[in-house]
Amino acid sequence: MKQILLDTCVWSWSLTDSPRLSRRARDAIADADAIYVSPVSFFEVAQKVRVGKWPEMERYVDKLSALLADQGMLIAALTPEIGVTAGILDWSHRDPFDRLIAVTSITTTCPLVSADSRFDELDGRCDWRSRVW
């Protein structure tokens, strides 16, 4: 079974069929048997809408759960272990959303589909699968 985890921006772009999605990202989504989104992505979208940093997602924010289900995607687990590991992860990146998503990718052993090259700093770790873009 081919599984992937979507970064928050990739998930939002998949909702809007944005041209910002790379060909490799579109192919990974199309070819996956299971597509996961972290619960932290819901918080990230909602918070950024609330503070005015993501106005294009405002029309979707109240329907995110239903939209995820309509897309046939799954919610990844957010466990205490993921929270602790994200907090102590030896990685200079300070964004808490990205840290939680990275550890979710590690825990689920799913490649992460993301445009954010900061995740490439995790390459070479025995538990990091990869970033697809």
C-alpha atoms as a PDB file:
ATOM      1  CA  MET A   1       0.000   0.000   0.000  1.00  0.00           C
ATOM      2  CA  LYS A   2       1.405   3.373  -1.037  1.00  0.00           C
ATOM      3  CA  GLN A   3       0.733   6.016   1.613  1.00  0.00           C
ATOM      4  CA  ILE A   4       1.618   9.706   1.711  1.00  0.00           C
ATOM      5  CA  LEU A   5       1.180  12.603   4.114  1.00  0.00           C
ATOM      6  CA  LEU A   6       0.288  16.056   2.789  1.00  0.00           C
ATOM      7  CA  ASP A   7       1.768  19.224   4.189  1.00  0.00           C
ATOM      8  CA  THR A   8      -0.830  21.879   4.985  1.00  0.00           C
ATOM      9  CA  CYS A   9      -0.179  23.993   1.880  1.00  0.00           C
ATOM     10  CA  VAL A  10      -0.284  20.958  -0.392  1.00  0.00           C
ATOM     11  CA  TRP A  11      -3.599  19.895   1.102  1.00  0.00           C
ATOM     12  CA  SER A  12      -5.032  23.397   0.622  1.00  0.00           C
ATOM     13  CA  TRP A  13      -3.776  23.494  -2.958  1.00  0.00           C
ATOM     14  CA  SER A  14      -5.388  20.118  -3.598  1.00  0.00           C
ATOM     15  CA  LEU A  15      -8.698  21.555  -2.361  1.00  0.00           C
ATOM     16  CA  THR A  16      -8.496  24.449  -4.788  1.00  0.00           C
ATOM     17  CA  ASP A  17      -6.824  22.546  -7.652  1.00  0.00           C
ATOM     18  CA  SER A  18      -4.091  25.152  -7.520  1.00  0.00           C
ATOM     19  CA  PRO A  19      -1.507  25.345 -10.295  1.00  0.00           C
ATOM     20  CA  ARG A  20       1.040  25.691  -7.466  1.00  0.00           C
ATOM     21  CA  LEU A  21       0.987  21.888  -7.071  1.00  0.00           C
ATOM     22  CA  SER A  22       3.960  20.372  -8.837  1.00  0.00           C
ATOM     23  CA  ARG A  23       3.537  17.551 -11.329  1.00  0.00           C
ATOM     24  CA  ARG A  24       5.292  15.148  -8.929  1.00  0.00           C
ATOM     25  CA  ALA A  25       2.940  16.174  -6.117  1.00  0.00           C
ATOM     26  CA  ARG A  26      -0.121  15.642  -8.324  1.00  0.00           C
ATOM     27  CA  ASP A  27       1.212  12.243  -9.390  1.00  0.00           C
ATOM     28  CA  ALA A  28       1.935  11.214  -5.797  1.00  0.00           C
ATOM     29  CA  ILE A  29      -1.603  12.156  -4.778  1.00  0.00           C
ATOM     30  CA  ALA A  30      -3.133  10.361  -7.763  1.00  0.00           C
ATOM     31  CA  ASP A  31      -1.049   7.209  -7.225  1.00  0.00           C
ATOM     32  CA  ALA A  32      -1.483   6.922  -3.448  1.00  0.00           C
ATOM     33  CA  ASP A  33      -3.650   4.257  -1.904  1.00  0.00           C
ATOM     34  CA  ALA A  34      -3.947   6.267   1.310  1.00  0.00           C
ATOM     35  CA  ILE A  35      -3.495  10.019   1.745  1.00  0.00           C
ATOM     36  CA  TYR A  36      -3.114  11.437   5.227  1.00  0.00           C
ATOM     37  CA  VAL A  37      -3.446  14.958   6.588  1.00  0.00           C
ATOM     38  CA  SER A  38      -2.298  15.849  10.092  1.00  0.00           C
ATOM     39  CA  PRO A  39      -4.880  17.269  12.514  1.00  0.00           C
ATOM     40  CA  VAL A  40      -2.455  20.132  13.061  1.00  0.00           C
ATOM     41  CA  SER A  41      -3.158  21.229   9.461  1.00  0.00           C
ATOM     42  CA  PHE A  42      -6.747  22.050  10.471  1.00  0.00           C
ATOM     43  CA  PHE A  43      -5.442  24.295  13.240  1.00  0.00           C
ATOM     44  CA  GLU A  44      -2.844  25.873  10.971  1.00  0.00           C
ATOM     45  CA  VAL A  45      -5.420  26.777   8.313  1.00  0.00           C
ATOM     46  CA  ALA A  46      -7.912  28.105  10.872  1.00  0.00           C
ATOM     47  CA  GLN A  47      -5.340  30.175  12.718  1.00  0.00           C
ATOM     48  CA  LYS A  48      -3.921  31.696   9.552  1.00  0.00           C
ATOM     49  CA  VAL A  49      -7.439  32.527   8.331  1.00  0.00           C
ATOM     50  CA  ARG A  50      -8.241  34.116  11.705  1.00  0.00           C
ATOM     51  CA  VAL A  51      -5.196  36.399  11.634  1.00  0.00           C
ATOM     52  CA  GLY A  52      -5.674  37.302   7.970  1.00  0.00           C
ATOM     53  CA  LYS A  53      -2.631  35.443   6.580  1.00  0.00           C
ATOM     54  CA  TRP A  54      -4.623  33.031   4.408  1.00  0.00           C
ATOM     55  CA  PRO A  55      -7.728  34.825   3.101  1.00  0.00           C
ATOM     56  CA  GLU A  56      -8.135  32.452   0.149  1.00  0.00           C
ATOM     57  CA  MET A  57      -8.866  29.617   2.608  1.00  0.00           C
ATOM     58  CA  GLU A  58     -11.559  31.541   4.481  1.00  0.00           C
ATOM     59  CA  ARG A  59     -14.365  30.049   2.391  1.00  0.00           C
ATOM     60  CA  TYR A  60     -13.148  26.519   3.209  1.00  0.00           C
ATOM     61  CA  VAL A  61     -12.274  26.767   6.897  1.00  0.00           C
ATOM     62  CA  ASP A  62     -15.691  25.769   8.272  1.00  0.00           C
ATOM     63  CA  LYS A  63     -15.893  22.777   5.929  1.00  0.00           C
ATOM     64  CA  LEU A  64     -12.419  21.281   6.252  1.00  0.00           C
ATOM     65  CA  SER A  65     -13.497  17.987   7.822  1.00  0.00           C
ATOM     66  CA  ALA A  66     -16.174  17.388   5.197  1.00  0.00           C
ATOM     67  CA  LEU A  67     -13.813  18.391   2.396  1.00  0.00           C
ATOM     68  CA  LEU A  68     -11.174  15.954   3.634  1.00  0.00           C
ATOM     69  CA  ALA A  69     -13.770  13.177   3.643  1.00  0.00           C
ATOM     70  CA  ASP A  70     -15.004  14.196   0.170  1.00  0.00           C
ATOM     71  CA  GLN A  71     -11.440  13.893  -1.100  1.00  0.00           C
ATOM     72  CA  GLY A  72     -11.210  10.396   0.361  1.00  0.00           C
ATOM     73  CA  MET A  73      -8.289  11.408   2.562  1.00  0.00           C
ATOM     74  CA  LEU A  74      -7.593  10.267   6.109  1.00  0.00           C
ATOM     75  CA  ILE A  75      -6.669  12.048   9.314  1.00  0.00           C
ATOM     76  CA  ALA A  76      -3.290  11.001  10.676  1.00  0.00           C
ATOM     77  CA  ALA A  77      -2.981  10.323  14.373  1.00  0.00           C
ATOM     78  CA  LEU A  78      -1.694  13.061  16.653  1.00  0.00           C
ATOM     79  CA  THR A  79      -0.388  11.249  19.693  1.00  0.00           C
ATOM     80  CA  PRO A  80       1.425  12.390  22.832  1.00  0.00           C
ATOM     81  CA  GLU A  81       4.544  10.680  21.450  1.00  0.00           C
ATOM     82  CA  ILE A  82       4.354  12.772  18.281  1.00  0.00           C
ATOM     83  CA  GLY A  83       4.061  15.921  20.403  1.00  0.00           C
ATOM     84  CA  VAL A  84       7.055  15.035  22.567  1.00  0.00           C
ATOM     85  CA  THR A  85       9.182  13.899  19.629  1.00  0.00           C
ATOM     86  CA  ALA A  86       8.358  17.086  17.705  1.00  0.00           C
ATOM     87  CA  GLY A  87       9.421  19.109  20.725  1.00  0.00           C
ATOM     88  CA  ILE A  88      12.775  17.392  21.178  1.00  0.00           C
ATOM     89  CA  LEU A  89      13.566  16.703  17.518  1.00  0.00           C
ATOM     90  CA  ASP A  90      17.133  17.751  16.718  1.00  0.00           C
ATOM     91  CA  TRP A  91      16.192  20.149  13.914  1.00  0.00           C
ATOM     92  CA  SER A  92      16.781  23.886  13.844  1.00  0.00           C
ATOM     93  CA  HIS A  93      13.402  24.609  12.229  1.00  0.00           C
ATOM     94  CA  ARG A  94      11.221  26.291  14.839  1.00  0.00           C
ATOM     95  CA  ASP A  95       7.789  26.242  13.156  1.00  0.00           C
ATOM     96  CA  PRO A  96       5.636  24.051  15.445  1.00  0.00           C
ATOM     97  CA  PHE A  97       3.295  23.051  12.610  1.00  0.00           C
ATOM     98  CA  ASP A  98       6.172  21.821  10.465  1.00  0.00           C
ATOM     99  CA  ARG A  99       7.787  20.018  13.386  1.00  0.00           C
ATOM    100  CA  LEU A 100       4.549  18.152  14.150  1.00  0.00           C
ATOM    101  CA  ILE A 101       3.988  17.327  10.482  1.00  0.00           C
ATOM    102  CA  ALA A 102       7.568  16.093  10.102  1.00  0.00           C
ATOM    103  CA  VAL A 103       7.256  13.758  13.069  1.00  0.00           C
ATOM    104  CA  THR A 104       3.868  12.568  11.809  1.00  0.00           C
ATOM    105  CA  SER A 105       5.583  11.671   8.542  1.00  0.00           C
ATOM    106  CA  ILE A 106       8.307   9.830  10.453  1.00  0.00           C
ATOM    107  CA  THR A 107       5.820   8.016  12.693  1.00  0.00           C
ATOM    108  CA  THR A 108       3.534   6.932   9.858  1.00  0.00           C
ATOM    109  CA  THR A 109       6.530   6.067   7.648  1.00  0.00           C
ATOM    110  CA  CYS A 110       4.877   8.078   4.887  1.00  0.00           C
ATOM    111  CA  PRO A 111       6.736  10.324   2.484  1.00  0.00           C
ATOM    112  CA  LEU A 112       5.718  13.953   2.968  1.00  0.00           C
ATOM    113  CA  VAL A 113       4.359  15.837  -0.031  1.00  0.00           C
ATOM    114  CA  SER A 114       5.508  19.414   0.512  1.00  0.00           C
ATOM    115  CA  ALA A 115       6.842  22.416  -1.364  1.00  0.00           C
ATOM    116  CA  ASP A 116       8.840  23.420   1.722  1.00  0.00           C
ATOM    117  CA  SER A 117      12.513  22.589   1.237  1.00  0.00           C
ATOM    118  CA  ARG A 118      13.159  23.019   4.990  1.00  0.00           C
ATOM    119  CA  PHE A 119      12.047  19.396   5.342  1.00  0.00           C
ATOM    120  CA  ASP A 120      15.081  18.359   3.268  1.00  0.00           C
ATOM    121  CA  GLU A 121      17.214  19.172   6.314  1.00  0.00           C
ATOM    122  CA  LEU A 122      15.895  15.870   7.707  1.00  0.00           C
ATOM    123  CA  ASP A 123      17.408  13.854   4.834  1.00  0.00           C
ATOM    124  CA  GLY A 124      19.833  11.222   6.004  1.00  0.00           C
ATOM    125  CA  ARG A 125      17.971  10.458   9.201  1.00  0.00           C
ATOM    126  CA  CYS A 126      17.268   6.742   9.303  1.00  0.00           C
ATOM    127  CA  ASP A 127      13.625   7.376  10.207  1.00  0.00           C
ATOM    128  CA  TRP A 128      12.851  10.145   7.668  1.00  0.00           C
ATOM    129  CA  ARG A 129      11.206   8.786   4.512  1.00  0.00           C
ATOM    130  CA  SER A 130      11.523  11.710   2.098  1.00  0.00           C
ATOM    131  CA  ARG A 131       9.918  14.831   0.758  1.00  0.00           C
ATOM    132  CA  VAL A 132       8.078  14.623  -2.552  1.00  0.00           C
ATOM    133  CA  TRP A 133       7.850  17.731  -4.667  1.00  0.00           C
END
